[in-house]
């Protein structure tokens, strides 16, 4: 499947620290969160899973978990090319909190992530080798700096007998995506670096209200 994510997290503080202290998601609390963030949708709760399997749920479904101080959603609909265009109601729900979006797709070598503080966008980056830099707003996060400085160059291995064209970007978006995921969430895609977090699977359907556009 490769590395794919479509994640939103709302937090009252440091995300990795908060996730270290959570247990199984409360289904009632999580359902209430989903109804708040997916207004006009019919929300059907399905079987549970864990955050590691929930970073890229099947199309039309969403993994979610709500605990005091931190809420997590995995949904392909948040994989949008320009994170700054995340629907307003999702951003408004982050008032007084931190909101993080992380989306990547290894087939396209595409990465997008963004951070809002108290509803204000402070950083957004979206790029791929085919499209170039799609969006670049705010100052780079510390986890980005080695990549922009050339310390993590794209490693291209040419096919035998062929000359490989230079990579279109100074680094691989997937490499930056892994570093950003680890810095923002204390996780790596497909690699366990802290305990597993239980989440609940939802099937949002029959939508009349606003929803993120699915970008990938």
N, C-alpha and C. Protein backbone atom coordinates (compact mmCIF):
# COMPACT_ATOMS: atom_id res chain seq x y z
N UNK A 1 0.82 -1.20 0.00
CA UNK A 1 0.00 0.00 0.00
C UNK A 1 0.85 1.25 0.00
N UNK A 2 2.05 1.20 0.55
CA UNK A 2 2.89 2.37 0.62
C UNK A 2 2.48 3.26 1.77
N UNK A 3 3.14 4.41 1.87
CA UNK A 3 2.88 5.34 2.96
C UNK A 3 1.76 6.29 2.56
N UNK A 4 0.64 6.22 3.27
CA UNK A 4 -0.50 7.08 2.99
C UNK A 4 -1.12 7.52 4.31
N UNK A 5 -1.42 8.80 4.42
CA UNK A 5 -2.08 9.31 5.62
C UNK A 5 -3.12 10.34 5.23
N UNK A 6 -4.14 10.45 6.04
CA UNK A 6 -5.14 11.50 5.95
C UNK A 6 -5.62 11.78 7.36
N UNK A 7 -4.96 12.67 8.07
CA UNK A 7 -5.13 12.81 9.51
C UNK A 7 -5.42 14.25 9.93
N UNK A 8 -6.28 14.38 10.91
CA UNK A 8 -6.50 15.63 11.63
C UNK A 8 -6.37 15.34 13.12
N UNK A 9 -5.77 16.25 13.86
CA UNK A 9 -5.73 16.12 15.31
C UNK A 9 -6.00 17.48 15.94
N UNK A 10 -6.89 17.49 16.90
CA UNK A 10 -7.18 18.67 17.72
C UNK A 10 -6.59 18.41 19.10
N UNK A 11 -5.85 19.36 19.63
CA UNK A 11 -5.18 19.11 20.91
C UNK A 11 -5.12 20.37 21.75
N UNK A 12 -5.18 20.17 23.07
CA UNK A 12 -5.06 21.27 24.01
C UNK A 12 -3.62 21.55 24.39
N UNK A 13 -2.68 20.75 23.88
CA UNK A 13 -1.27 20.93 24.21
C UNK A 13 -0.41 20.09 23.30
N UNK A 14 0.68 19.57 23.83
CA UNK A 14 1.63 18.77 23.06
C UNK A 14 1.00 17.44 22.68
N UNK A 15 0.85 17.19 21.37
CA UNK A 15 0.14 15.99 20.91
C UNK A 15 0.81 14.70 21.37
N UNK A 16 2.12 14.51 21.15
CA UNK A 16 2.74 13.26 21.59
C UNK A 16 2.54 13.00 23.08
N UNK A 17 2.68 14.03 23.89
CA UNK A 17 2.52 13.85 25.34
C UNK A 17 1.09 13.46 25.68
N UNK A 18 0.12 14.09 25.05
CA UNK A 18 -1.28 13.77 25.32
C UNK A 18 -1.61 12.35 24.90
N UNK A 19 -1.10 11.91 23.74
CA UNK A 19 -1.41 10.57 23.26
C UNK A 19 -0.79 9.49 24.13
N UNK A 20 0.28 9.82 24.82
CA UNK A 20 0.92 8.82 25.68
C UNK A 20 0.03 8.44 26.87
N UNK A 21 -0.94 9.26 27.17
CA UNK A 21 -1.73 9.04 28.38
C UNK A 21 -3.18 8.66 28.10
N UNK A 22 -3.49 8.34 26.84
CA UNK A 22 -4.87 7.97 26.52
C UNK A 22 -5.02 6.46 26.50
N UNK A 23 -6.26 6.02 26.63
CA UNK A 23 -6.57 4.59 26.53
C UNK A 23 -7.53 4.37 25.39
N UNK A 24 -8.46 3.45 25.58
CA UNK A 24 -9.46 3.18 24.55
C UNK A 24 -10.36 4.41 24.37
N UNK A 25 -10.71 4.67 23.13
CA UNK A 25 -11.57 5.82 22.85
C UNK A 25 -12.97 5.58 23.43
N UNK A 26 -13.57 6.63 23.95
CA UNK A 26 -14.94 6.57 24.44
C UNK A 26 -15.89 6.67 23.25
N UNK A 27 -16.65 5.62 22.93
CA UNK A 27 -17.51 5.65 21.73
C UNK A 27 -18.52 6.80 21.75
N UNK A 28 -19.15 7.05 22.90
CA UNK A 28 -20.15 8.12 22.96
C UNK A 28 -19.50 9.48 22.74
N UNK A 29 -18.39 9.70 23.40
CA UNK A 29 -17.68 10.97 23.24
C UNK A 29 -17.23 11.15 21.79
N UNK A 30 -16.73 10.05 21.19
CA UNK A 30 -16.24 10.12 19.82
C UNK A 30 -17.37 10.35 18.83
N UNK A 31 -18.51 9.70 19.06
CA UNK A 31 -19.67 9.92 18.19
C UNK A 31 -20.13 11.37 18.25
N UNK A 32 -20.14 11.95 19.44
CA UNK A 32 -20.53 13.36 19.58
C UNK A 32 -19.57 14.26 18.80
N UNK A 33 -18.28 13.95 18.86
CA UNK A 33 -17.30 14.73 18.10
C UNK A 33 -17.58 14.63 16.61
N UNK A 34 -17.86 13.42 16.13
CA UNK A 34 -18.11 13.23 14.70
C UNK A 34 -19.34 14.00 14.25
N UNK A 35 -20.38 13.99 15.05
CA UNK A 35 -21.58 14.73 14.68
C UNK A 35 -21.31 16.24 14.66
N UNK A 36 -20.42 16.68 15.51
CA UNK A 36 -20.07 18.11 15.54
C UNK A 36 -19.23 18.50 14.33
N UNK A 37 -18.30 17.64 13.93
CA UNK A 37 -17.37 17.97 12.84
C UNK A 37 -17.91 17.59 11.47
N UNK A 38 -18.94 16.73 11.42
CA UNK A 38 -19.56 16.33 10.16
C UNK A 38 -21.04 16.70 10.20
N UNK A 39 -21.36 17.98 10.30
CA UNK A 39 -22.77 18.39 10.40
C UNK A 39 -23.55 18.03 9.14
N UNK A 40 -24.75 17.50 9.34
CA UNK A 40 -25.57 17.13 8.21
C UNK A 40 -25.33 15.73 7.70
N UNK A 41 -24.33 15.04 8.25
CA UNK A 41 -24.02 13.68 7.83
C UNK A 41 -24.73 12.69 8.74
N UNK A 42 -25.07 11.54 8.18
CA UNK A 42 -25.55 10.42 8.98
C UNK A 42 -24.33 9.64 9.45
N UNK A 43 -24.13 9.56 10.75
CA UNK A 43 -22.94 8.94 11.32
C UNK A 43 -23.30 7.55 11.85
N UNK A 44 -22.69 6.54 11.29
CA UNK A 44 -22.92 5.16 11.73
C UNK A 44 -21.62 4.61 12.31
N UNK A 45 -21.67 4.19 13.57
CA UNK A 45 -20.49 3.62 14.23
C UNK A 45 -20.31 2.17 13.81
N UNK A 46 -19.07 1.80 13.50
CA UNK A 46 -18.74 0.43 13.11
C UNK A 46 -17.71 -0.12 14.09
N UNK A 47 -16.99 -1.16 13.69
CA UNK A 47 -16.04 -1.79 14.60
C UNK A 47 -14.86 -0.87 14.89
N UNK A 48 -14.18 -1.12 16.02
CA UNK A 48 -13.02 -0.32 16.39
C UNK A 48 -11.74 -0.86 15.77
N UNK A 49 -10.68 -0.07 15.89
CA UNK A 49 -9.37 -0.48 15.40
C UNK A 49 -8.34 0.28 16.22
N UNK A 50 -7.19 0.59 15.60
CA UNK A 50 -6.17 1.38 16.29
C UNK A 50 -5.65 2.46 15.36
N UNK A 51 -4.97 3.42 15.93
CA UNK A 51 -4.51 4.58 15.16
C UNK A 51 -3.60 4.18 14.02
N UNK A 52 -2.84 3.13 14.19
CA UNK A 52 -1.88 2.72 13.17
C UNK A 52 -2.57 2.24 11.90
N UNK A 53 -3.73 1.58 12.07
CA UNK A 53 -4.50 1.17 10.90
C UNK A 53 -5.44 2.27 10.43
N UNK A 54 -5.63 3.29 11.27
CA UNK A 54 -6.61 4.32 10.96
C UNK A 54 -6.06 5.55 10.28
N UNK A 55 -4.76 5.57 9.97
CA UNK A 55 -4.19 6.78 9.35
C UNK A 55 -4.66 6.97 7.92
N UNK A 56 -5.15 5.88 7.28
CA UNK A 56 -5.62 5.97 5.90
C UNK A 56 -6.79 5.00 5.74
N UNK A 57 -7.96 5.36 6.25
CA UNK A 57 -9.11 4.45 6.17
C UNK A 57 -9.64 4.34 4.74
N UNK A 58 -10.48 3.36 4.52
CA UNK A 58 -11.08 3.16 3.20
C UNK A 58 -11.91 4.38 2.81
N UNK A 59 -12.03 4.60 1.52
CA UNK A 59 -12.80 5.72 1.01
C UNK A 59 -14.23 5.67 1.56
N UNK A 60 -14.71 6.81 2.02
CA UNK A 60 -16.06 6.90 2.53
C UNK A 60 -16.21 6.59 4.00
N UNK A 61 -15.12 6.17 4.65
CA UNK A 61 -15.16 5.88 6.08
C UNK A 61 -14.21 6.82 6.81
N UNK A 62 -14.28 6.79 8.12
CA UNK A 62 -13.38 7.62 8.93
C UNK A 62 -13.11 6.90 10.24
N UNK A 63 -11.84 6.87 10.64
CA UNK A 63 -11.48 6.43 11.98
C UNK A 63 -11.41 7.67 12.86
N UNK A 64 -11.87 7.54 14.09
CA UNK A 64 -11.88 8.70 14.98
C UNK A 64 -11.75 8.25 16.42
N UNK A 65 -11.25 9.15 17.24
CA UNK A 65 -11.13 8.91 18.68
C UNK A 65 -11.13 10.25 19.39
N UNK A 66 -11.85 10.31 20.50
CA UNK A 66 -11.91 11.54 21.29
C UNK A 66 -11.60 11.21 22.74
N UNK A 67 -10.65 11.94 23.28
CA UNK A 67 -10.30 11.85 24.70
C UNK A 67 -10.23 13.27 25.25
N UNK A 68 -10.27 13.45 26.55
CA UNK A 68 -10.08 14.79 27.11
C UNK A 68 -8.73 15.38 26.67
N UNK A 69 -8.79 16.50 25.98
CA UNK A 69 -7.56 17.19 25.58
C UNK A 69 -7.06 16.88 24.20
N UNK A 70 -7.53 15.80 23.57
CA UNK A 70 -7.02 15.45 22.24
C UNK A 70 -8.06 14.63 21.48
N UNK A 71 -8.21 14.96 20.19
CA UNK A 71 -9.15 14.27 19.30
C UNK A 71 -8.45 13.99 17.98
N UNK A 72 -8.69 12.80 17.44
CA UNK A 72 -8.00 12.36 16.23
C UNK A 72 -9.02 11.86 15.21
N UNK A 73 -8.81 12.23 13.94
CA UNK A 73 -9.65 11.75 12.85
C UNK A 73 -8.75 11.31 11.71
N UNK A 74 -9.02 10.13 11.16
CA UNK A 74 -8.38 9.66 9.94
C UNK A 74 -9.43 9.59 8.84
N UNK A 75 -9.24 10.33 7.76
CA UNK A 75 -10.26 10.42 6.71
C UNK A 75 -9.59 10.86 5.41
N UNK A 76 -9.82 10.12 4.34
CA UNK A 76 -9.24 10.51 3.05
C UNK A 76 -9.73 11.88 2.59
N UNK A 77 -10.86 12.32 3.10
CA UNK A 77 -11.41 13.61 2.66
C UNK A 77 -10.54 14.80 3.05
N UNK A 78 -9.67 14.62 4.04
CA UNK A 78 -8.80 15.74 4.43
C UNK A 78 -7.52 15.79 3.60
N UNK A 79 -7.37 14.88 2.63
CA UNK A 79 -6.18 14.87 1.78
C UNK A 79 -6.37 15.88 0.65
N UNK A 80 -6.24 17.14 0.98
CA UNK A 80 -6.47 18.21 0.02
C UNK A 80 -5.15 18.85 -0.37
N UNK A 81 -5.06 19.30 -1.63
CA UNK A 81 -3.80 19.84 -2.14
C UNK A 81 -3.38 21.11 -1.41
N UNK A 82 -4.34 21.93 -1.02
CA UNK A 82 -4.03 23.18 -0.32
C UNK A 82 -4.64 23.12 1.08
N UNK A 83 -3.85 22.76 2.08
CA UNK A 83 -4.40 22.65 3.44
C UNK A 83 -5.07 23.93 3.94
N UNK A 84 -4.64 25.08 3.45
CA UNK A 84 -5.25 26.34 3.88
C UNK A 84 -6.72 26.41 3.51
N UNK A 85 -7.16 25.53 2.59
CA UNK A 85 -8.56 25.51 2.17
C UNK A 85 -9.39 24.50 2.95
N UNK A 86 -8.87 24.00 4.06
CA UNK A 86 -9.66 23.11 4.90
C UNK A 86 -10.97 23.82 5.27
N UNK A 87 -12.10 23.12 5.19
CA UNK A 87 -13.39 23.77 5.46
C UNK A 87 -13.39 24.56 6.77
N UNK A 88 -14.04 25.70 6.72
CA UNK A 88 -13.99 26.65 7.83
C UNK A 88 -14.50 26.05 9.14
N UNK A 89 -15.51 25.19 9.06
CA UNK A 89 -16.07 24.66 10.30
C UNK A 89 -15.08 23.74 11.01
N UNK A 90 -14.20 23.08 10.24
CA UNK A 90 -13.18 22.24 10.86
C UNK A 90 -12.11 23.09 11.54
N UNK A 91 -11.77 24.21 10.92
CA UNK A 91 -10.79 25.12 11.53
C UNK A 91 -11.40 25.80 12.74
N UNK A 92 -12.66 26.23 12.63
CA UNK A 92 -13.31 26.92 13.74
C UNK A 92 -13.39 26.03 14.98
N UNK A 93 -13.46 24.72 14.78
CA UNK A 93 -13.53 23.79 15.91
C UNK A 93 -12.23 23.76 16.71
N UNK A 94 -11.17 24.38 16.18
CA UNK A 94 -9.88 24.38 16.87
C UNK A 94 -9.67 25.63 17.71
N UNK A 95 -10.70 26.44 17.91
CA UNK A 95 -10.55 27.66 18.71
C UNK A 95 -10.00 27.32 20.10
N UNK A 96 -8.91 28.00 20.46
CA UNK A 96 -8.28 27.75 21.75
C UNK A 96 -7.42 26.50 21.80
N UNK A 97 -7.23 25.86 20.64
CA UNK A 97 -6.51 24.59 20.61
C UNK A 97 -5.51 24.60 19.45
N UNK A 98 -4.75 23.54 19.34
CA UNK A 98 -3.89 23.32 18.18
C UNK A 98 -4.58 22.34 17.24
N UNK A 99 -4.51 22.61 15.95
CA UNK A 99 -5.03 21.72 14.92
C UNK A 99 -3.89 21.35 13.98
N UNK A 100 -3.72 20.06 13.73
CA UNK A 100 -2.68 19.58 12.83
C UNK A 100 -3.32 18.74 11.73
N UNK A 101 -2.96 19.01 10.49
CA UNK A 101 -3.34 18.18 9.35
C UNK A 101 -2.08 17.53 8.79
N UNK A 102 -2.16 16.24 8.51
CA UNK A 102 -1.03 15.53 7.89
C UNK A 102 -1.60 14.59 6.84
N UNK A 103 -1.15 14.77 5.59
CA UNK A 103 -1.63 13.93 4.49
C UNK A 103 -0.47 13.63 3.55
N UNK A 104 -0.32 12.37 3.17
CA UNK A 104 0.70 12.03 2.17
C UNK A 104 0.28 10.78 1.41
N UNK A 105 0.83 10.65 0.21
CA UNK A 105 0.50 9.54 -0.68
C UNK A 105 1.76 9.16 -1.44
N UNK A 106 2.29 7.98 -1.14
CA UNK A 106 3.59 7.60 -1.68
C UNK A 106 3.57 7.36 -3.18
N UNK A 107 2.41 6.99 -3.75
CA UNK A 107 2.35 6.75 -5.19
C UNK A 107 2.67 8.03 -5.96
N UNK A 108 2.14 9.16 -5.49
CA UNK A 108 2.40 10.45 -6.12
C UNK A 108 3.58 11.17 -5.49
N UNK A 109 4.17 10.58 -4.43
CA UNK A 109 5.25 11.24 -3.68
C UNK A 109 4.79 12.62 -3.24
N UNK A 110 3.56 12.67 -2.76
CA UNK A 110 2.92 13.94 -2.39
C UNK A 110 2.79 14.04 -0.88
N UNK A 111 3.03 15.24 -0.36
CA UNK A 111 2.91 15.52 1.07
C UNK A 111 2.20 16.85 1.27
N UNK A 112 1.33 16.88 2.27
CA UNK A 112 0.74 18.14 2.71
C UNK A 112 0.58 18.08 4.22
N UNK A 113 0.96 19.14 4.88
CA UNK A 113 0.67 19.23 6.31
C UNK A 113 0.48 20.69 6.69
N UNK A 114 -0.21 20.90 7.79
CA UNK A 114 -0.49 22.26 8.23
C UNK A 114 -0.72 22.27 9.74
N UNK A 115 -0.49 23.44 10.33
CA UNK A 115 -0.69 23.63 11.76
C UNK A 115 -1.44 24.94 11.97
N UNK A 116 -2.51 24.87 12.75
CA UNK A 116 -3.25 26.05 13.18
C UNK A 116 -3.11 26.18 14.69
N UNK A 117 -2.98 27.40 15.17
CA UNK A 117 -2.98 27.69 16.61
C UNK A 117 -4.14 28.62 16.90
N UNK A 118 -5.08 28.16 17.71
CA UNK A 118 -6.26 28.95 18.06
C UNK A 118 -6.97 29.45 16.80
N UNK A 119 -7.08 28.58 15.80
CA UNK A 119 -7.78 28.92 14.58
C UNK A 119 -6.98 29.70 13.56
N UNK A 120 -5.74 30.06 13.88
CA UNK A 120 -4.89 30.83 12.97
C UNK A 120 -3.88 29.90 12.29
N UNK A 121 -3.86 29.91 10.97
CA UNK A 121 -2.91 29.08 10.23
C UNK A 121 -1.50 29.63 10.41
N UNK A 122 -0.60 28.82 10.96
CA UNK A 122 0.77 29.27 11.16
C UNK A 122 1.75 28.57 10.22
N UNK A 123 1.37 27.43 9.66
CA UNK A 123 2.25 26.75 8.72
C UNK A 123 1.43 25.83 7.83
N UNK A 124 1.68 25.89 6.53
CA UNK A 124 1.08 24.97 5.57
C UNK A 124 2.07 24.70 4.46
N UNK A 125 2.25 23.43 4.14
CA UNK A 125 3.15 23.04 3.06
C UNK A 125 2.51 21.90 2.28
N UNK A 126 2.53 22.00 0.96
CA UNK A 126 2.04 20.94 0.09
C UNK A 126 2.93 20.89 -1.14
N UNK A 127 3.43 19.71 -1.46
CA UNK A 127 4.35 19.60 -2.60
C UNK A 127 4.45 18.17 -3.11
N UNK A 128 4.81 18.06 -4.38
CA UNK A 128 5.07 16.77 -5.01
C UNK A 128 6.01 17.03 -6.18
N UNK A 129 6.73 16.01 -6.67
CA UNK A 129 7.64 16.24 -7.79
C UNK A 129 6.93 16.64 -9.07
N UNK A 130 5.71 16.18 -9.28
CA UNK A 130 4.99 16.52 -10.50
C UNK A 130 4.40 17.93 -10.46
N UNK A 131 3.90 18.33 -9.30
CA UNK A 131 3.23 19.63 -9.17
C UNK A 131 4.12 20.71 -8.59
N UNK A 132 5.28 20.33 -8.05
CA UNK A 132 6.14 21.30 -7.40
C UNK A 132 5.58 21.71 -6.05
N UNK A 133 5.90 22.92 -5.64
CA UNK A 133 5.38 23.43 -4.37
C UNK A 133 4.00 24.02 -4.61
N UNK A 134 3.00 23.34 -4.09
CA UNK A 134 1.61 23.74 -4.29
C UNK A 134 1.23 24.84 -3.32
N UNK A 135 1.68 24.72 -2.08
CA UNK A 135 1.38 25.72 -1.07
C UNK A 135 2.54 25.77 -0.08
N UNK A 136 2.92 26.99 0.30
CA UNK A 136 4.03 27.18 1.24
C UNK A 136 3.75 28.45 2.03
N UNK A 137 3.12 28.29 3.19
CA UNK A 137 2.68 29.41 4.00
C UNK A 137 3.33 29.31 5.38
N UNK A 138 3.86 30.41 5.87
CA UNK A 138 4.43 30.44 7.21
C UNK A 138 5.87 29.98 7.25
N UNK A 139 6.46 30.02 8.43
CA UNK A 139 7.85 29.64 8.61
C UNK A 139 7.97 28.12 8.74
N UNK A 140 9.03 27.53 8.16
CA UNK A 140 9.22 26.08 8.29
C UNK A 140 9.31 25.64 9.75
N UNK A 141 8.78 24.46 10.02
CA UNK A 141 8.89 23.87 11.35
C UNK A 141 10.30 23.33 11.55
N UNK A 142 10.73 23.17 12.78
CA UNK A 142 12.09 22.64 13.02
C UNK A 142 12.37 21.33 12.31
N UNK A 143 11.38 20.46 12.19
CA UNK A 143 11.60 19.17 11.52
C UNK A 143 11.85 19.33 10.03
N UNK A 144 11.48 20.49 9.46
CA UNK A 144 11.69 20.73 8.03
C UNK A 144 13.10 21.22 7.71
N UNK A 145 13.73 21.89 8.65
CA UNK A 145 14.94 22.65 8.36
C UNK A 145 16.05 21.83 7.71
N UNK A 146 16.36 20.60 8.18
CA UNK A 146 17.42 19.83 7.51
C UNK A 146 17.11 19.54 6.04
N UNK A 147 15.84 19.40 5.71
CA UNK A 147 15.46 19.11 4.32
C UNK A 147 15.68 20.34 3.44
N UNK A 148 15.23 21.49 3.90
CA UNK A 148 15.42 22.71 3.11
C UNK A 148 16.89 23.12 3.03
N UNK A 149 17.68 22.75 4.03
CA UNK A 149 19.10 23.10 4.05
C UNK A 149 19.94 22.18 3.17
N UNK A 150 19.34 21.14 2.60
CA UNK A 150 20.07 20.22 1.74
C UNK A 150 20.73 19.08 2.47
N UNK A 151 20.41 18.92 3.77
CA UNK A 151 21.02 17.84 4.54
C UNK A 151 20.34 16.50 4.31
N UNK A 152 19.16 16.51 3.68
CA UNK A 152 18.43 15.27 3.39
C UNK A 152 18.08 15.23 1.90
N UNK A 153 19.08 15.23 1.01
CA UNK A 153 18.79 15.31 -0.42
C UNK A 153 18.08 14.07 -0.94
N UNK A 154 17.35 14.25 -2.02
CA UNK A 154 16.67 13.13 -2.66
C UNK A 154 17.71 12.17 -3.22
N UNK A 155 17.58 10.90 -2.90
CA UNK A 155 18.52 9.88 -3.35
C UNK A 155 17.91 9.16 -4.55
N UNK A 156 18.45 9.42 -5.72
CA UNK A 156 17.92 8.85 -6.95
C UNK A 156 18.86 7.73 -7.42
N UNK A 157 18.30 6.55 -7.62
CA UNK A 157 19.07 5.41 -8.14
C UNK A 157 18.60 5.16 -9.57
N UNK A 158 19.43 5.45 -10.58
CA UNK A 158 19.00 5.30 -11.97
C UNK A 158 18.87 3.84 -12.37
N UNK A 159 18.02 3.57 -13.35
CA UNK A 159 17.93 2.24 -13.92
C UNK A 159 19.23 1.91 -14.64
N UNK A 160 19.62 0.64 -14.66
CA UNK A 160 20.87 0.26 -15.35
C UNK A 160 20.88 0.73 -16.80
N UNK A 161 21.95 1.38 -17.19
CA UNK A 161 22.10 1.83 -18.56
C UNK A 161 21.37 3.11 -18.89
N UNK A 162 20.72 3.73 -17.90
CA UNK A 162 19.98 4.95 -18.15
C UNK A 162 20.48 6.07 -17.24
N UNK A 163 20.39 7.29 -17.76
CA UNK A 163 20.74 8.46 -16.97
C UNK A 163 19.49 9.02 -16.33
N UNK A 164 19.51 9.07 -15.02
CA UNK A 164 18.32 9.55 -14.30
C UNK A 164 18.26 11.07 -14.33
N UNK A 165 17.07 11.59 -14.63
CA UNK A 165 16.86 13.03 -14.59
C UNK A 165 16.93 13.51 -13.14
N UNK A 166 17.41 14.73 -12.91
CA UNK A 166 17.45 15.25 -11.53
C UNK A 166 16.05 15.26 -10.92
N UNK A 167 15.98 14.95 -9.65
CA UNK A 167 14.69 14.96 -8.96
C UNK A 167 14.17 16.39 -8.92
N UNK A 168 12.87 16.54 -9.07
CA UNK A 168 12.27 17.87 -9.23
C UNK A 168 12.29 18.71 -7.96
N UNK A 169 12.51 18.07 -6.82
CA UNK A 169 12.53 18.78 -5.54
C UNK A 169 13.86 18.53 -4.83
N UNK A 170 14.25 19.39 -3.90
CA UNK A 170 15.53 19.19 -3.22
C UNK A 170 15.53 18.03 -2.24
N UNK A 171 14.36 17.45 -1.96
CA UNK A 171 14.25 16.32 -1.04
C UNK A 171 12.99 15.54 -1.39
N UNK A 172 12.91 14.32 -0.89
CA UNK A 172 11.71 13.52 -1.10
C UNK A 172 10.62 13.96 -0.13
N UNK A 173 9.43 14.30 -0.63
CA UNK A 173 8.34 14.65 0.28
C UNK A 173 8.04 13.56 1.30
N UNK A 174 8.21 12.29 0.92
CA UNK A 174 7.93 11.21 1.87
C UNK A 174 8.89 11.25 3.06
N UNK A 175 10.15 11.60 2.80
CA UNK A 175 11.11 11.70 3.90
C UNK A 175 10.71 12.81 4.87
N UNK A 176 10.34 13.96 4.31
CA UNK A 176 9.89 15.05 5.16
C UNK A 176 8.59 14.68 5.86
N UNK A 177 7.72 13.98 5.14
CA UNK A 177 6.46 13.57 5.74
C UNK A 177 6.64 12.69 6.95
N UNK A 178 7.58 11.75 6.87
CA UNK A 178 7.87 10.88 8.01
C UNK A 178 8.41 11.69 9.19
N UNK A 179 9.31 12.63 8.90
CA UNK A 179 9.87 13.45 9.97
C UNK A 179 8.80 14.34 10.60
N UNK A 180 7.93 14.90 9.76
CA UNK A 180 6.86 15.75 10.29
C UNK A 180 5.89 14.93 11.13
N UNK A 181 5.58 13.73 10.68
CA UNK A 181 4.67 12.86 11.43
C UNK A 181 5.26 12.51 12.79
N UNK A 182 6.54 12.22 12.78
CA UNK A 182 7.20 11.87 14.04
C UNK A 182 7.26 13.08 14.98
N UNK A 183 7.53 14.26 14.44
CA UNK A 183 7.64 15.45 15.28
C UNK A 183 6.29 15.89 15.82
N UNK A 184 5.26 15.81 14.98
CA UNK A 184 3.96 16.31 15.37
C UNK A 184 3.14 15.30 16.16
N UNK A 185 3.42 14.00 15.91
CA UNK A 185 2.60 12.95 16.51
C UNK A 185 3.41 11.95 17.32
N UNK A 186 4.73 12.00 17.23
CA UNK A 186 5.60 10.98 17.84
C UNK A 186 5.33 9.61 17.24
N UNK A 187 5.02 9.58 15.93
CA UNK A 187 4.82 8.31 15.23
C UNK A 187 5.53 8.38 13.89
N UNK A 188 5.72 7.20 13.31
CA UNK A 188 6.12 7.09 11.91
C UNK A 188 5.11 6.20 11.21
N UNK A 189 4.88 6.43 9.95
CA UNK A 189 3.88 5.66 9.22
C UNK A 189 4.32 4.20 9.16
N UNK A 190 3.51 3.33 9.76
CA UNK A 190 3.81 1.91 9.73
C UNK A 190 4.80 1.46 10.77
N UNK A 191 5.29 2.36 11.62
CA UNK A 191 6.28 2.00 12.63
C UNK A 191 5.75 2.39 14.00
N UNK A 192 5.77 1.46 14.92
CA UNK A 192 5.27 1.74 16.26
C UNK A 192 6.39 2.37 17.09
N UNK A 193 6.15 3.58 17.59
CA UNK A 193 7.13 4.22 18.46
C UNK A 193 6.54 4.58 19.82
N UNK A 194 5.27 4.34 20.01
CA UNK A 194 4.64 4.47 21.31
C UNK A 194 3.50 3.47 21.36
N UNK A 195 2.79 3.40 22.45
CA UNK A 195 1.77 2.36 22.56
C UNK A 195 0.63 2.58 21.57
N UNK A 196 -0.09 1.54 21.26
CA UNK A 196 -1.19 1.62 20.31
C UNK A 196 -2.36 2.38 20.91
N UNK A 197 -3.05 3.13 20.08
CA UNK A 197 -4.18 3.93 20.51
C UNK A 197 -5.44 3.40 19.85
N UNK A 198 -6.44 3.09 20.64
CA UNK A 198 -7.69 2.55 20.11
C UNK A 198 -8.53 3.65 19.48
N UNK A 199 -9.13 3.35 18.31
CA UNK A 199 -10.01 4.30 17.64
C UNK A 199 -11.28 3.58 17.21
N UNK A 200 -12.26 4.35 16.75
CA UNK A 200 -13.56 3.82 16.34
C UNK A 200 -13.75 4.12 14.87
N UNK A 201 -14.29 3.15 14.12
CA UNK A 201 -14.57 3.33 12.70
C UNK A 201 -15.98 3.88 12.51
N UNK A 202 -16.10 4.90 11.65
CA UNK A 202 -17.40 5.49 11.35
C UNK A 202 -17.65 5.48 9.85
N UNK A 203 -18.93 5.45 9.52
CA UNK A 203 -19.34 5.52 8.13
C UNK A 203 -20.22 6.75 7.97
N UNK A 204 -19.63 7.90 7.60
CA UNK A 204 -20.45 9.10 7.38
C UNK A 204 -21.12 9.02 6.01
N UNK A 205 -22.44 9.15 5.98
CA UNK A 205 -23.15 9.06 4.71
C UNK A 205 -24.33 10.00 4.68
N UNK A 206 -24.90 10.17 3.49
CA UNK A 206 -26.07 11.01 3.33
C UNK A 206 -25.81 12.45 3.70
N UNK A 207 -24.67 12.98 3.26
CA UNK A 207 -24.25 14.32 3.71
C UNK A 207 -25.02 15.42 3.02
N UNK A 208 -25.48 16.38 3.82
CA UNK A 208 -26.02 17.62 3.29
C UNK A 208 -25.16 18.81 3.73
N UNK A 209 -24.36 18.60 4.75
CA UNK A 209 -23.55 19.68 5.30
C UNK A 209 -22.17 19.74 4.67
N UNK A 210 -21.35 20.67 5.16
CA UNK A 210 -20.00 20.85 4.60
C UNK A 210 -19.10 19.67 4.92
N UNK A 211 -18.17 19.39 4.03
CA UNK A 211 -17.24 18.28 4.23
C UNK A 211 -15.95 18.60 3.52
N UNK A 212 -14.82 18.07 3.99
CA UNK A 212 -13.57 18.23 3.25
C UNK A 212 -13.68 17.58 1.87
N UNK A 213 -13.07 18.20 0.90
CA UNK A 213 -13.00 17.61 -0.43
C UNK A 213 -11.89 16.57 -0.45
N UNK A 214 -12.14 15.45 -1.06
CA UNK A 214 -11.12 14.41 -1.17
C UNK A 214 -10.17 14.78 -2.29
N UNK A 215 -8.89 14.92 -1.99
CA UNK A 215 -7.94 15.41 -2.98
C UNK A 215 -7.11 14.35 -3.65
N UNK A 216 -7.07 13.11 -3.10
CA UNK A 216 -6.22 12.09 -3.68
C UNK A 216 -6.99 10.80 -3.84
